[in-house]
């Protein structure tokens, strides 16, 4: 019984860590993945570095954005979820 008493606080901390940090992060990742998969030409997006642009071409892993002064091709994973 004494061994369980010593492990119980560690187990409680692990469960709280899982519920507070891991589950919300997983939900955000799932929403981001769905958002990126549903991108369409003409959508306005923001990259993780703060660049605003409009989608003009979509490839398997990259997206081409048109900016005020030219175009840029970035990875889909670098687009922020709004």
PDB file of N, CA and C in Angstrom:
ATOM      1  N   UNK A   1       0.821  -1.191   0.000  1.00  0.00           N
ATOM      2  CA  UNK A   1       0.000   0.000   0.000  1.00  0.00           C
ATOM      3  C   UNK A   1       0.869   1.260   0.000  1.00  0.00           C
ATOM      4  N   UNK A   2       1.982   1.217   0.670  1.00  0.00           N
ATOM      5  CA  UNK A   2       2.867   2.362   0.743  1.00  0.00           C
ATOM      6  C   UNK A   2       3.457   2.710  -0.636  1.00  0.00           C
ATOM      7  N   UNK A   3       3.698   1.699  -1.481  1.00  0.00           N
ATOM      8  CA  UNK A   3       4.236   1.923  -2.817  1.00  0.00           C
ATOM      9  C   UNK A   3       3.216   2.646  -3.701  1.00  0.00           C
ATOM     10  N   UNK A   4       1.962   2.310  -3.542  1.00  0.00           N
ATOM     11  CA  UNK A   4       0.897   2.963  -4.321  1.00  0.00           C
ATOM     12  C   UNK A   4       0.773   4.425  -3.903  1.00  0.00           C
ATOM     13  N   UNK A   5       0.896   4.679  -2.624  1.00  0.00           N
ATOM     14  CA  UNK A   5       0.817   6.056  -2.136  1.00  0.00           C
ATOM     15  C   UNK A   5       1.938   6.932  -2.701  1.00  0.00           C
ATOM     16  N   UNK A   6       3.089   6.345  -2.915  1.00  0.00           N
ATOM     17  CA  UNK A   6       4.200   7.130  -3.457  1.00  0.00           C
ATOM     18  C   UNK A   6       4.056   7.354  -4.960  1.00  0.00           C
ATOM     19  N   UNK A   7       3.419   6.435  -5.666  1.00  0.00           N
ATOM     20  CA  UNK A   7       3.242   6.571  -7.108  1.00  0.00           C
ATOM     21  C   UNK A   7       2.001   7.383  -7.494  1.00  0.00           C
ATOM     22  N   UNK A   8       1.042   7.479  -6.602  1.00  0.00           N
ATOM     23  CA  UNK A   8      -0.208   8.164  -6.911  1.00  0.00           C
ATOM     24  C   UNK A   8      -0.013   9.625  -7.324  1.00  0.00           C
ATOM     25  N   UNK A   9       0.786  10.425  -6.636  1.00  0.00           N
ATOM     26  CA  UNK A   9       0.987  11.810  -7.100  1.00  0.00           C
ATOM     27  C   UNK A   9       1.615  11.893  -8.499  1.00  0.00           C
ATOM     28  N   UNK A  10       2.528  11.001  -8.792  1.00  0.00           N
ATOM     29  CA  UNK A  10       3.145  10.982 -10.114  1.00  0.00           C
ATOM     30  C   UNK A  10       2.112  10.641 -11.191  1.00  0.00           C
ATOM     31  N   UNK A  11       1.260   9.689 -10.912  1.00  0.00           N
ATOM     32  CA  UNK A  11       0.208   9.314 -11.857  1.00  0.00           C
ATOM     33  C   UNK A  11      -0.771  10.461 -12.056  1.00  0.00           C
ATOM     34  N   UNK A  12      -1.136  11.144 -10.985  1.00  0.00           N
ATOM     35  CA  UNK A  12      -2.060  12.278 -11.075  1.00  0.00           C
ATOM     36  C   UNK A  12      -1.446  13.403 -11.910  1.00  0.00           C
ATOM     37  N   UNK A  13      -0.184  13.693 -11.696  1.00  0.00           N
ATOM     38  CA  UNK A  13       0.497  14.735 -12.475  1.00  0.00           C
ATOM     39  C   UNK A  13       0.529  14.352 -13.956  1.00  0.00           C
ATOM     40  N   UNK A  14       0.797  13.102 -14.261  1.00  0.00           N
ATOM     41  CA  UNK A  14       0.825  12.650 -15.645  1.00  0.00           C
ATOM     42  C   UNK A  14      -0.549  12.793 -16.300  1.00  0.00           C
ATOM     43  N   UNK A  15      -1.603  12.415 -15.593  1.00  0.00           N
ATOM     44  CA  UNK A  15      -2.960  12.532 -16.133  1.00  0.00           C
ATOM     45  C   UNK A  15      -3.320  14.003 -16.372  1.00  0.00           C
ATOM     46  N   UNK A  16      -2.986  14.868 -15.434  1.00  0.00           N
ATOM     47  CA  UNK A  16      -3.268  16.297 -15.600  1.00  0.00           C
ATOM     48  C   UNK A  16      -2.480  16.857 -16.786  1.00  0.00           C
ATOM     49  N   UNK A  17      -1.219  16.486 -16.900  1.00  0.00           N
ATOM     50  CA  UNK A  17      -0.387  16.909 -18.030  1.00  0.00           C
ATOM     51  C   UNK A  17      -1.027  16.478 -19.347  1.00  0.00           C
ATOM     52  N   UNK A  18      -1.483  15.253 -19.408  1.00  0.00           N
ATOM     53  CA  UNK A  18      -2.108  14.716 -20.618  1.00  0.00           C
ATOM     54  C   UNK A  18      -3.376  15.494 -20.966  1.00  0.00           C
ATOM     55  N   UNK A  19      -4.211  15.746 -19.977  1.00  0.00           N
ATOM     56  CA  UNK A  19      -5.481  16.418 -20.225  1.00  0.00           C
ATOM     57  C   UNK A  19      -5.316  17.897 -20.575  1.00  0.00           C
ATOM     58  N   UNK A  20      -4.371  18.561 -19.952  1.00  0.00           N
ATOM     59  CA  UNK A  20      -4.226  20.008 -20.145  1.00  0.00           C
ATOM     60  C   UNK A  20      -3.368  20.342 -21.371  1.00  0.00           C
ATOM     61  N   UNK A  21      -2.338  19.570 -21.641  1.00  0.00           N
ATOM     62  CA  UNK A  21      -1.417  19.922 -22.715  1.00  0.00           C
ATOM     63  C   UNK A  21      -1.567  19.072 -23.977  1.00  0.00           C
ATOM     64  N   UNK A  22      -1.628  17.785 -23.832  1.00  0.00           N
ATOM     65  CA  UNK A  22      -1.566  16.907 -24.995  1.00  0.00           C
ATOM     66  C   UNK A  22      -2.868  16.892 -25.793  1.00  0.00           C
ATOM     67  N   UNK A  23      -4.004  16.734 -25.147  1.00  0.00           N
ATOM     68  CA  UNK A  23      -5.273  16.656 -25.877  1.00  0.00           C
ATOM     69  C   UNK A  23      -5.597  17.927 -26.660  1.00  0.00           C
ATOM     70  N   UNK A  24      -5.481  19.123 -26.086  1.00  0.00           N
ATOM     71  CA  UNK A  24      -5.751  20.322 -26.889  1.00  0.00           C
ATOM     72  C   UNK A  24      -4.799  20.479 -28.079  1.00  0.00           C
ATOM     73  N   UNK A  25      -3.533  20.120 -27.895  1.00  0.00           N
ATOM     74  CA  UNK A  25      -2.579  20.202 -28.995  1.00  0.00           C
ATOM     75  C   UNK A  25      -2.960  19.249 -30.117  1.00  0.00           C
ATOM     76  N   UNK A  26      -3.396  18.062 -29.764  1.00  0.00           N
ATOM     77  CA  UNK A  26      -3.824  17.089 -30.771  1.00  0.00           C
ATOM     78  C   UNK A  26      -5.039  17.594 -31.535  1.00  0.00           C
ATOM     79  N   UNK A  27      -5.979  18.229 -30.819  1.00  0.00           N
ATOM     80  CA  UNK A  27      -7.159  18.789 -31.487  1.00  0.00           C
ATOM     81  C   UNK A  27      -6.766  19.889 -32.454  1.00  0.00           C
ATOM     82  N   UNK A  28      -5.833  20.776 -32.048  1.00  0.00           N
ATOM     83  CA  UNK A  28      -5.366  21.848 -32.930  1.00  0.00           C
ATOM     84  C   UNK A  28      -4.693  21.280 -34.174  1.00  0.00           C
ATOM     85  N   UNK A  29      -3.876  20.255 -34.001  1.00  0.00           N
ATOM     86  CA  UNK A  29      -3.201  19.643 -35.139  1.00  0.00           C
ATOM     87  C   UNK A  29      -4.201  19.026 -36.110  1.00  0.00           C
ATOM     88  N   UNK A  30      -5.237  18.412 -35.566  1.00  0.00           N
ATOM     89  CA  UNK A  30      -6.268  17.806 -36.399  1.00  0.00           C
ATOM     90  C   UNK A  30      -7.024  18.866 -37.201  1.00  0.00           C
ATOM     91  N   UNK A  31      -7.376  19.992 -36.552  1.00  0.00           N
ATOM     92  CA  UNK A  31      -8.063  21.084 -37.246  1.00  0.00           C
ATOM     93  C   UNK A  31      -7.167  21.703 -38.313  1.00  0.00           C
ATOM     94  N   UNK A  32      -5.876  21.883 -38.000  1.00  0.00           N
ATOM     95  CA  UNK A  32      -4.939  22.460 -38.963  1.00  0.00           C
ATOM     96  C   UNK A  32      -4.809  21.556 -40.186  1.00  0.00           C
ATOM     97  N   UNK A  33      -4.693  20.269 -39.961  1.00  0.00           N
ATOM     98  CA  UNK A  33      -4.571  19.320 -41.070  1.00  0.00           C
ATOM     99  C   UNK A  33      -5.812  19.377 -41.957  1.00  0.00           C
ATOM    100  N   UNK A  34      -6.986  19.434 -41.346  1.00  0.00           N
ATOM    101  CA  UNK A  34      -8.229  19.516 -42.103  1.00  0.00           C
ATOM    102  C   UNK A  34      -8.296  20.831 -42.883  1.00  0.00           C
ATOM    103  N   UNK A  35      -7.873  21.935 -42.262  1.00  0.00           N
ATOM    104  CA  UNK A  35      -7.867  23.243 -42.917  1.00  0.00           C
ATOM    105  C   UNK A  35      -6.959  23.232 -44.143  1.00  0.00           C
ATOM    106  N   UNK A  36      -5.765  22.664 -44.003  1.00  0.00           N
ATOM    107  CA  UNK A  36      -4.810  22.630 -45.104  1.00  0.00           C
ATOM    108  C   UNK A  36      -5.315  21.724 -46.224  1.00  0.00           C
ATOM    109  N   UNK A  37      -5.946  20.624 -45.879  1.00  0.00           N
ATOM    110  CA  UNK A  37      -6.471  19.718 -46.898  1.00  0.00           C
ATOM    111  C   UNK A  37      -7.626  20.352 -47.670  1.00  0.00           C
ATOM    112  N   UNK A  38      -8.348  21.278 -47.053  1.00  0.00           N
ATOM    113  CA  UNK A  38      -9.502  21.912 -47.698  1.00  0.00           C
ATOM    114  C   UNK A  38      -9.162  23.253 -48.343  1.00  0.00           C
ATOM    115  N   UNK A  39      -7.869  23.588 -48.462  1.00  0.00           N
ATOM    116  CA  UNK A  39      -7.483  24.828 -49.127  1.00  0.00           C
ATOM    117  C   UNK A  39      -7.934  24.816 -50.577  1.00  0.00           C
ATOM    118  N   UNK A  40      -8.380  25.967 -51.041  1.00  0.00           N
ATOM    119  CA  UNK A  40      -8.818  26.098 -52.422  1.00  0.00           C
ATOM    120  C   UNK A  40      -8.128  27.305 -53.042  1.00  0.00           C
ATOM    121  N   UNK A  41      -8.046  27.298 -54.340  1.00  0.00           N
ATOM    122  CA  UNK A  41      -7.481  28.437 -55.059  1.00  0.00           C
ATOM    123  C   UNK A  41      -8.369  29.643 -54.800  1.00  0.00           C
ATOM    124  N   UNK A  42      -7.742  30.754 -54.440  1.00  0.00           N
ATOM    125  CA  UNK A  42      -8.477  31.978 -54.140  1.00  0.00           C
ATOM    126  C   UNK A  42      -8.612  32.259 -52.648  1.00  0.00           C
ATOM    127  N   UNK A  43      -8.295  31.285 -51.801  1.00  0.00           N
ATOM    128  CA  UNK A  43      -8.352  31.497 -50.356  1.00  0.00           C
ATOM    129  C   UNK A  43      -7.254  32.459 -49.924  1.00  0.00           C
ATOM    130  N   UNK A  44      -7.571  33.353 -49.014  1.00  0.00           N
ATOM    131  CA  UNK A  44      -6.570  34.220 -48.401  1.00  0.00           C
ATOM    132  C   UNK A  44      -6.029  33.519 -47.167  1.00  0.00           C
ATOM    133  N   UNK A  45      -4.701  33.469 -47.046  1.00  0.00           N
ATOM    134  CA  UNK A  45      -4.073  32.756 -45.934  1.00  0.00           C
ATOM    135  C   UNK A  45      -2.960  33.609 -45.332  1.00  0.00           C
ATOM    136  N   UNK A  46      -2.514  33.190 -44.153  1.00  0.00           N
ATOM    137  CA  UNK A  46      -1.373  33.796 -43.469  1.00  0.00           C
ATOM    138  C   UNK A  46      -0.393  32.675 -43.168  1.00  0.00           C
ATOM    139  N   UNK A  47       0.889  32.916 -43.450  1.00  0.00           N
ATOM    140  CA  UNK A  47       1.903  31.913 -43.140  1.00  0.00           C
ATOM    141  C   UNK A  47       2.342  32.070 -41.692  1.00  0.00           C
ATOM    142  N   UNK A  48       3.089  31.104 -41.198  1.00  0.00           N
ATOM    143  CA  UNK A  48       3.558  31.177 -39.811  1.00  0.00           C
ATOM    144  C   UNK A  48       4.572  32.293 -39.598  1.00  0.00           C
ATOM    145  N   UNK A  49       5.127  32.833 -40.674  1.00  0.00           N
ATOM    146  CA  UNK A  49       6.049  33.965 -40.545  1.00  0.00           C
ATOM    147  C   UNK A  49       5.342  35.303 -40.729  1.00  0.00           C
ATOM    148  N   UNK A  50       4.012  35.286 -40.904  1.00  0.00           N
ATOM    149  CA  UNK A  50       3.243  36.515 -40.969  1.00  0.00           C
ATOM    150  C   UNK A  50       3.000  37.054 -42.367  1.00  0.00           C
ATOM    151  N   UNK A  51       3.321  36.296 -43.390  1.00  0.00           N
ATOM    152  CA  UNK A  51       3.111  36.741 -44.767  1.00  0.00           C
ATOM    153  C   UNK A  51       1.662  36.480 -45.163  1.00  0.00           C
ATOM    154  N   UNK A  52       0.991  37.514 -45.674  1.00  0.00           N
ATOM    155  CA  UNK A  52      -0.378  37.398 -46.143  1.00  0.00           C
ATOM    156  C   UNK A  52      -0.357  37.185 -47.652  1.00  0.00           C
ATOM    157  N   UNK A  53      -1.181  36.262 -48.130  1.00  0.00           N
ATOM    158  CA  UNK A  53      -1.241  36.020 -49.565  1.00  0.00           C
ATOM    159  C   UNK A  53      -2.507  35.297 -49.960  1.00  0.00           C
ATOM    160  N   UNK A  54      -2.687  35.159 -51.272  1.00  0.00           N
ATOM    161  CA  UNK A  54      -3.847  34.456 -51.819  1.00  0.00           C
ATOM    162  C   UNK A  54      -3.333  33.231 -52.570  1.00  0.00           C
ATOM    163  N   UNK A  55      -3.983  32.093 -52.379  1.00  0.00           N
ATOM    164  CA  UNK A  55      -3.576  30.836 -52.991  1.00  0.00           C
ATOM    165  C   UNK A  55      -3.876  30.902 -54.492  1.00  0.00           C
ATOM    166  N   UNK A  56      -2.847  30.603 -55.305  1.00  0.00           N
ATOM    167  CA  UNK A  56      -3.067  30.561 -56.752  1.00  0.00           C
ATOM    168  C   UNK A  56      -2.740  29.198 -57.348  1.00  0.00           C
ATOM    169  N   UNK A  57      -2.035  28.346 -56.594  1.00  0.00           N
ATOM    170  CA  UNK A  57      -1.707  27.018 -57.086  1.00  0.00           C
ATOM    171  C   UNK A  57      -1.501  26.096 -55.887  1.00  0.00           C
ATOM    172  N   UNK A  58      -1.998  24.875 -55.997  1.00  0.00           N
ATOM    173  CA  UNK A  58      -1.863  23.899 -54.914  1.00  0.00           C
ATOM    174  C   UNK A  58      -1.225  22.639 -55.481  1.00  0.00           C
ATOM    175  N   UNK A  59      -0.131  22.220 -54.859  1.00  0.00           N
ATOM    176  CA  UNK A  59       0.537  20.978 -55.220  1.00  0.00           C
ATOM    177  C   UNK A  59       0.399  20.012 -54.051  1.00  0.00           C
ATOM    178  N   UNK A  60       1.055  18.884 -54.153  1.00  0.00           N
ATOM    179  CA  UNK A  60       0.928  17.855 -53.114  1.00  0.00           C
ATOM    180  C   UNK A  60       1.399  18.350 -51.748  1.00  0.00           C
ATOM    181  N   UNK A  61       2.576  18.972 -51.686  1.00  0.00           N
ATOM    182  CA  UNK A  61       3.125  19.419 -50.408  1.00  0.00           C
ATOM    183  C   UNK A  61       3.322  20.925 -50.315  1.00  0.00           C
ATOM    184  N   UNK A  62       3.139  21.640 -51.424  1.00  0.00           N
ATOM    185  CA  UNK A  62       3.381  23.076 -51.420  1.00  0.00           C
ATOM    186  C   UNK A  62       2.172  23.838 -51.941  1.00  0.00           C
ATOM    187  N   UNK A  63       2.189  25.130 -51.651  1.00  0.00           N
ATOM    188  CA  UNK A  63       1.144  26.048 -52.103  1.00  0.00           C
ATOM    189  C   UNK A  63       1.851  27.283 -52.650  1.00  0.00           C
ATOM    190  N   UNK A  64       1.358  27.798 -53.761  1.00  0.00           N
ATOM    191  CA  UNK A  64       1.904  29.038 -54.307  1.00  0.00           C
ATOM    192  C   UNK A  64       0.964  30.176 -53.935  1.00  0.00           C
ATOM    193  N   UNK A  65       1.540  31.222 -53.335  1.00  0.00           N
ATOM    194  CA  UNK A  65       0.761  32.388 -52.924  1.00  0.00           C
ATOM    195  C   UNK A  65       1.159  33.576 -53.780  1.00  0.00           C
ATOM    196  N   UNK A  66       0.186  34.408 -54.103  1.00  0.00           N
ATOM    197  CA  UNK A  66       0.475  35.655 -54.788  1.00  0.00           C
ATOM    198  C   UNK A  66       0.491  36.740 -53.722  1.00  0.00           C
ATOM    199  N   UNK A  67       1.535  37.565 -53.775  1.00  0.00           N
ATOM    200  CA  UNK A  67       1.710  38.663 -52.841  1.00  0.00           C
ATOM    201  C   UNK A  67       1.572  39.967 -53.615  1.00  0.00           C
ATOM    202  N   UNK A  68       1.716  41.089 -52.942  1.00  0.00           N
ATOM    203  CA  UNK A  68       1.650  42.374 -53.633  1.00  0.00           C
ATOM    204  C   UNK A  68       2.753  42.503 -54.670  1.00  0.00           C
ATOM    205  N   UNK A  69       3.920  41.955 -54.356  1.00  0.00           N
ATOM    206  CA  UNK A  69       5.065  42.072 -55.268  1.00  0.00           C
ATOM    207  C   UNK A  69       5.594  40.692 -55.631  1.00  0.00           C
ATOM    208  N   UNK A  70       4.817  39.907 -56.315  1.00  0.00           N
ATOM    209  CA  UNK A  70       5.303  38.622 -56.798  1.00  0.00           C
ATOM    210  C   UNK A  70       4.594  37.436 -56.184  1.00  0.00           C
ATOM    211  N   UNK A  71       5.240  36.308 -56.332  1.00  0.00           N
ATOM    212  CA  UNK A  71       4.694  35.040 -55.847  1.00  0.00           C
ATOM    213  C   UNK A  71       5.703  34.361 -54.936  1.00  0.00           C
ATOM    214  N   UNK A  72       5.194  33.453 -54.117  1.00  0.00           N
ATOM    215  CA  UNK A  72       6.049  32.684 -53.220  1.00  0.00           C
ATOM    216  C   UNK A  72       5.454  31.280 -53.106  1.00  0.00           C
ATOM    217  N   UNK A  73       6.318  30.293 -53.049  1.00  0.00           N
ATOM    218  CA  UNK A  73       5.877  28.909 -52.876  1.00  0.00           C
ATOM    219  C   UNK A  73       6.315  28.446 -51.492  1.00  0.00           C
ATOM    220  N   UNK A  74       5.360  27.971 -50.708  1.00  0.00           N
ATOM    221  CA  UNK A  74       5.662  27.546 -49.338  1.00  0.00           C
ATOM    222  C   UNK A  74       5.084  26.163 -49.081  1.00  0.00           C
ATOM    223  N   UNK A  75       5.559  25.534 -48.022  1.00  0.00           N
ATOM    224  CA  UNK A  75       5.003  24.248 -47.599  1.00  0.00           C
ATOM    225  C   UNK A  75       3.606  24.446 -47.021  1.00  0.00           C
ATOM    226  N   UNK A  76       2.745  23.492 -47.224  1.00  0.00           N
ATOM    227  CA  UNK A  76       1.393  23.567 -46.685  1.00  0.00           C
ATOM    228  C   UNK A  76       1.401  23.613 -45.159  1.00  0.00           C
ATOM    229  N   UNK A  77       2.381  22.977 -44.549  1.00  0.00           N
ATOM    230  CA  UNK A  77       2.432  22.946 -43.088  1.00  0.00           C
ATOM    231  C   UNK A  77       2.745  24.289 -42.468  1.00  0.00           C
ATOM    232  N   UNK A  78       3.224  25.251 -43.279  1.00  0.00           N
ATOM    233  CA  UNK A  78       3.580  26.579 -42.769  1.00  0.00           C
ATOM    234  C   UNK A  78       2.423  27.572 -42.863  1.00  0.00           C
ATOM    235  N   UNK A  79       1.250  27.107 -43.267  1.00  0.00           N
ATOM    236  CA  UNK A  79       0.067  27.969 -43.310  1.00  0.00           C
ATOM    237  C   UNK A  79      -0.633  27.866 -41.969  1.00  0.00           C
ATOM    238  N   UNK A  80      -0.998  29.014 -41.409  1.00  0.00           N
ATOM    239  CA  UNK A  80      -1.663  29.053 -40.108  1.00  0.00           C
ATOM    240  C   UNK A  80      -3.132  28.730 -40.243  1.00  0.00           C
ATOM    241  N   UNK A  81      -3.672  28.110 -39.209  1.00  0.00           N
ATOM    242  CA  UNK A  81      -5.100  27.844 -39.124  1.00  0.00           C
ATOM    243  C   UNK A  81      -5.772  29.060 -38.538  1.00  0.00           C
ATOM    244  N   UNK A  82      -6.773  29.584 -39.227  1.00  0.00           N
ATOM    245  CA  UNK A  82      -7.476  30.771 -38.753  1.00  0.00           C
ATOM    246  C   UNK A  82      -8.534  30.400 -37.757  1.00  0.00           C
TER     247      UNK A  82
END
